[in-house]
Amino acid sequence: MICDLSASPYLDLAGARMLHDLYGELATHGIALRIVGAHGWARDLLRADGMSEKAGGLDRAATLDTLLKEQRNSSG
Protein backbone atom coordinates (compact mmCIF):
# COMPACT_ATOMS: atom_id res chain seq x y z
CA MET A 1 0.00 0.00 0.00
CA ILE A 2 1.30 3.44 -0.85
CA CYS A 3 0.38 6.46 1.25
CA ASP A 4 0.89 9.74 -0.65
CA LEU A 5 1.41 12.62 1.78
CA SER A 6 2.19 15.24 -0.87
CA ALA A 7 -1.08 17.10 -0.21
CA SER A 8 -0.41 17.14 3.55
CA PRO A 9 2.19 19.80 4.36
CA TYR A 10 1.97 19.04 8.10
CA LEU A 11 1.82 15.88 10.14
CA ASP A 12 1.20 15.78 13.87
CA LEU A 13 1.91 13.06 16.41
CA ALA A 14 -1.62 11.66 16.03
CA GLY A 15 -1.03 11.29 12.29
CA ALA A 16 2.30 9.58 12.87
CA ARG A 17 0.67 7.21 15.37
CA MET A 18 -2.07 6.42 12.84
CA LEU A 19 0.58 5.48 10.28
CA HIS A 20 2.22 3.18 12.85
CA ASP A 21 -1.15 1.55 13.52
CA LEU A 22 -1.82 1.21 9.78
CA TYR A 23 1.62 -0.36 9.30
CA GLY A 24 0.89 -2.88 12.06
CA GLU A 25 -2.49 -3.81 10.63
CA LEU A 26 -1.14 -4.20 7.10
CA ALA A 27 1.86 -6.22 8.31
CA THR A 28 -0.44 -8.80 9.90
CA HIS A 29 -1.81 -9.40 6.40
CA GLY A 30 1.60 -9.45 4.70
CA ILE A 31 1.09 -6.06 3.05
CA ALA A 32 3.94 -3.54 2.89
CA LEU A 33 3.37 0.16 3.56
CA ARG A 34 5.30 2.77 1.60
CA ILE A 35 5.11 6.53 2.07
CA VAL A 36 5.76 9.09 -0.66
CA GLY A 37 5.50 12.85 -0.88
CA ALA A 38 6.11 13.62 2.79
CA HIS A 39 7.24 17.22 3.24
CA GLY A 40 10.42 18.05 5.17
CA TRP A 41 8.99 18.44 8.68
CA ALA A 42 6.75 15.39 8.22
CA ARG A 43 9.75 13.33 7.04
CA ASP A 44 11.74 14.46 10.06
CA LEU A 45 8.91 13.51 12.43
CA LEU A 46 8.42 10.10 10.78
CA ARG A 47 12.16 9.38 10.87
CA ALA A 48 12.40 10.37 14.54
CA ASP A 49 9.40 8.17 15.29
CA GLY A 50 10.94 5.12 13.56
CA MET A 51 8.41 5.03 10.74
CA SER A 52 11.03 5.49 8.03
CA GLU A 53 12.49 2.01 8.52
CA LYS A 54 9.05 0.42 8.61
CA ALA A 55 7.96 2.14 5.41
CA GLY A 56 11.06 1.28 3.39
CA GLY A 57 12.63 4.71 3.78
CA LEU A 58 11.41 8.21 3.14
CA ASP A 59 13.13 9.29 -0.05
CA ARG A 60 11.98 12.79 -0.97
CA ALA A 61 12.51 11.99 -4.65
CA ALA A 62 10.25 8.91 -4.55
CA THR A 63 6.86 9.44 -6.14
CA LEU A 64 3.77 7.34 -6.54
CA ASP A 65 4.74 6.80 -10.17
CA THR A 66 8.29 5.62 -9.36
CA LEU A 67 7.05 3.14 -6.74
CA LEU A 68 4.44 1.75 -9.11
CA LYS A 69 7.06 1.33 -11.83
CA GLU A 70 9.40 -0.42 -9.36
CA GLN A 71 6.62 -2.80 -8.37
CA ARG A 72 5.72 -3.50 -11.99
CA ASN A 73 9.36 -4.22 -12.86
CA SER A 74 9.92 -6.47 -9.85
CA SER A 75 6.80 -8.54 -10.43
CA GLY A 76 7.77 -9.50 -13.79
C-alpha atoms as a PDB file:
ATOM      1  CA  MET A   1       0.000   0.000   0.000  1.00  0.00           C
ATOM      2  CA  ILE A   2       1.303   3.444  -0.849  1.00  0.00           C
ATOM      3  CA  CYS A   3       0.379   6.462   1.253  1.00  0.00           C
ATOM      4  CA  ASP A   4       0.889   9.736  -0.646  1.00  0.00           C
ATOM      5  CA  LEU A   5       1.406  12.623   1.780  1.00  0.00           C
ATOM      6  CA  SER A   6       2.186  15.243  -0.873  1.00  0.00           C
ATOM      7  CA  ALA A   7      -1.082  17.096  -0.213  1.00  0.00           C
ATOM      8  CA  SER A   8      -0.414  17.145   3.551  1.00  0.00           C
ATOM      9  CA  PRO A   9       2.192  19.798   4.356  1.00  0.00           C
ATOM     10  CA  TYR A  10       1.969  19.043   8.102  1.00  0.00           C
ATOM     11  CA  LEU A  11       1.820  15.879  10.136  1.00  0.00           C
ATOM     12  CA  ASP A  12       1.200  15.780  13.871  1.00  0.00           C
ATOM     13  CA  LEU A  13       1.908  13.061  16.408  1.00  0.00           C
ATOM     14  CA  ALA A  14      -1.616  11.657  16.029  1.00  0.00           C
ATOM     15  CA  GLY A  15      -1.031  11.289  12.285  1.00  0.00           C
ATOM     16  CA  ALA A  16       2.299   9.579  12.868  1.00  0.00           C
ATOM     17  CA  ARG A  17       0.673   7.207  15.368  1.00  0.00           C
ATOM     18  CA  MET A  18      -2.075   6.419  12.844  1.00  0.00           C
ATOM     19  CA  LEU A  19       0.580   5.484  10.278  1.00  0.00           C
ATOM     20  CA  HIS A  20       2.217   3.178  12.852  1.00  0.00           C
ATOM     21  CA  ASP A  21      -1.148   1.545  13.520  1.00  0.00           C
ATOM     22  CA  LEU A  22      -1.821   1.209   9.785  1.00  0.00           C
ATOM     23  CA  TYR A  23       1.615  -0.364   9.297  1.00  0.00           C
ATOM     24  CA  GLY A  24       0.889  -2.881  12.060  1.00  0.00           C
ATOM     25  CA  GLU A  25      -2.490  -3.811  10.632  1.00  0.00           C
ATOM     26  CA  LEU A  26      -1.140  -4.195   7.100  1.00  0.00           C
ATOM     27  CA  ALA A  27       1.864  -6.216   8.313  1.00  0.00           C
ATOM     28  CA  THR A  28      -0.443  -8.802   9.902  1.00  0.00           C
ATOM     29  CA  HIS A  29      -1.811  -9.398   6.397  1.00  0.00           C
ATOM     30  CA  GLY A  30       1.600  -9.450   4.704  1.00  0.00           C
ATOM     31  CA  ILE A  31       1.089  -6.059   3.046  1.00  0.00           C
ATOM     32  CA  ALA A  32       3.936  -3.543   2.892  1.00  0.00           C
ATOM     33  CA  LEU A  33       3.374   0.165   3.558  1.00  0.00           C
ATOM     34  CA  ARG A  34       5.305   2.767   1.598  1.00  0.00           C
ATOM     35  CA  ILE A  35       5.106   6.529   2.065  1.00  0.00           C
ATOM     36  CA  VAL A  36       5.757   9.091  -0.662  1.00  0.00           C
ATOM     37  CA  GLY A  37       5.496  12.854  -0.879  1.00  0.00           C
ATOM     38  CA  ALA A  38       6.112  13.615   2.788  1.00  0.00           C
ATOM     39  CA  HIS A  39       7.242  17.215   3.238  1.00  0.00           C
ATOM     40  CA  GLY A  40      10.416  18.050   5.168  1.00  0.00           C
ATOM     41  CA  TRP A  41       8.990  18.437   8.679  1.00  0.00           C
ATOM     42  CA  ALA A  42       6.750  15.392   8.222  1.00  0.00           C
ATOM     43  CA  ARG A  43       9.745  13.330   7.036  1.00  0.00           C
ATOM     44  CA  ASP A  44      11.740  14.463  10.064  1.00  0.00           C
ATOM     45  CA  LEU A  45       8.913  13.505  12.427  1.00  0.00           C
ATOM     46  CA  LEU A  46       8.423  10.097  10.785  1.00  0.00           C
ATOM     47  CA  ARG A  47      12.161   9.384  10.872  1.00  0.00           C
ATOM     48  CA  ALA A  48      12.404  10.374  14.539  1.00  0.00           C
ATOM     49  CA  ASP A  49       9.404   8.168  15.295  1.00  0.00           C
ATOM     50  CA  GLY A  50      10.943   5.118  13.561  1.00  0.00           C
ATOM     51  CA  MET A  51       8.408   5.025  10.739  1.00  0.00           C
ATOM     52  CA  SER A  52      11.029   5.493   8.033  1.00  0.00           C
ATOM     53  CA  GLU A  53      12.488   2.012   8.522  1.00  0.00           C
ATOM     54  CA  LYS A  54       9.054   0.417   8.609  1.00  0.00           C
ATOM     55  CA  ALA A  55       7.960   2.138   5.408  1.00  0.00           C
ATOM     56  CA  GLY A  56      11.058   1.276   3.388  1.00  0.00           C
ATOM     57  CA  GLY A  57      12.629   4.706   3.778  1.00  0.00           C
ATOM     58  CA  LEU A  58      11.412   8.213   3.136  1.00  0.00           C
ATOM     59  CA  ASP A  59      13.134   9.288  -0.049  1.00  0.00           C
ATOM     60  CA  ARG A  60      11.978  12.787  -0.973  1.00  0.00           C
ATOM     61  CA  ALA A  61      12.512  11.987  -4.653  1.00  0.00           C
ATOM     62  CA  ALA A  62      10.249   8.909  -4.547  1.00  0.00           C
ATOM     63  CA  THR A  63       6.859   9.443  -6.135  1.00  0.00           C
ATOM     64  CA  LEU A  64       3.769   7.344  -6.542  1.00  0.00           C
ATOM     65  CA  ASP A  65       4.744   6.802 -10.169  1.00  0.00           C
ATOM     66  CA  THR A  66       8.292   5.616  -9.358  1.00  0.00           C
ATOM     67  CA  LEU A  67       7.053   3.142  -6.735  1.00  0.00           C
ATOM     68  CA  LEU A  68       4.437   1.751  -9.107  1.00  0.00           C
ATOM     69  CA  LYS A  69       7.064   1.335 -11.834  1.00  0.00           C
ATOM     70  CA  GLU A  70       9.404  -0.424  -9.357  1.00  0.00           C
ATOM     71  CA  GLN A  71       6.622  -2.799  -8.367  1.00  0.00           C
ATOM     72  CA  ARG A  72       5.718  -3.498 -11.990  1.00  0.00           C
ATOM     73  CA  ASN A  73       9.361  -4.217 -12.862  1.00  0.00           C
ATOM     74  CA  SER A  74       9.925  -6.474  -9.848  1.00  0.00           C
ATOM     75  CA  SER A  75       6.802  -8.539 -10.427  1.00  0.00           C
ATOM     76  CA  GLY A  76       7.771  -9.500 -13.790  1.00  0.00           C
END
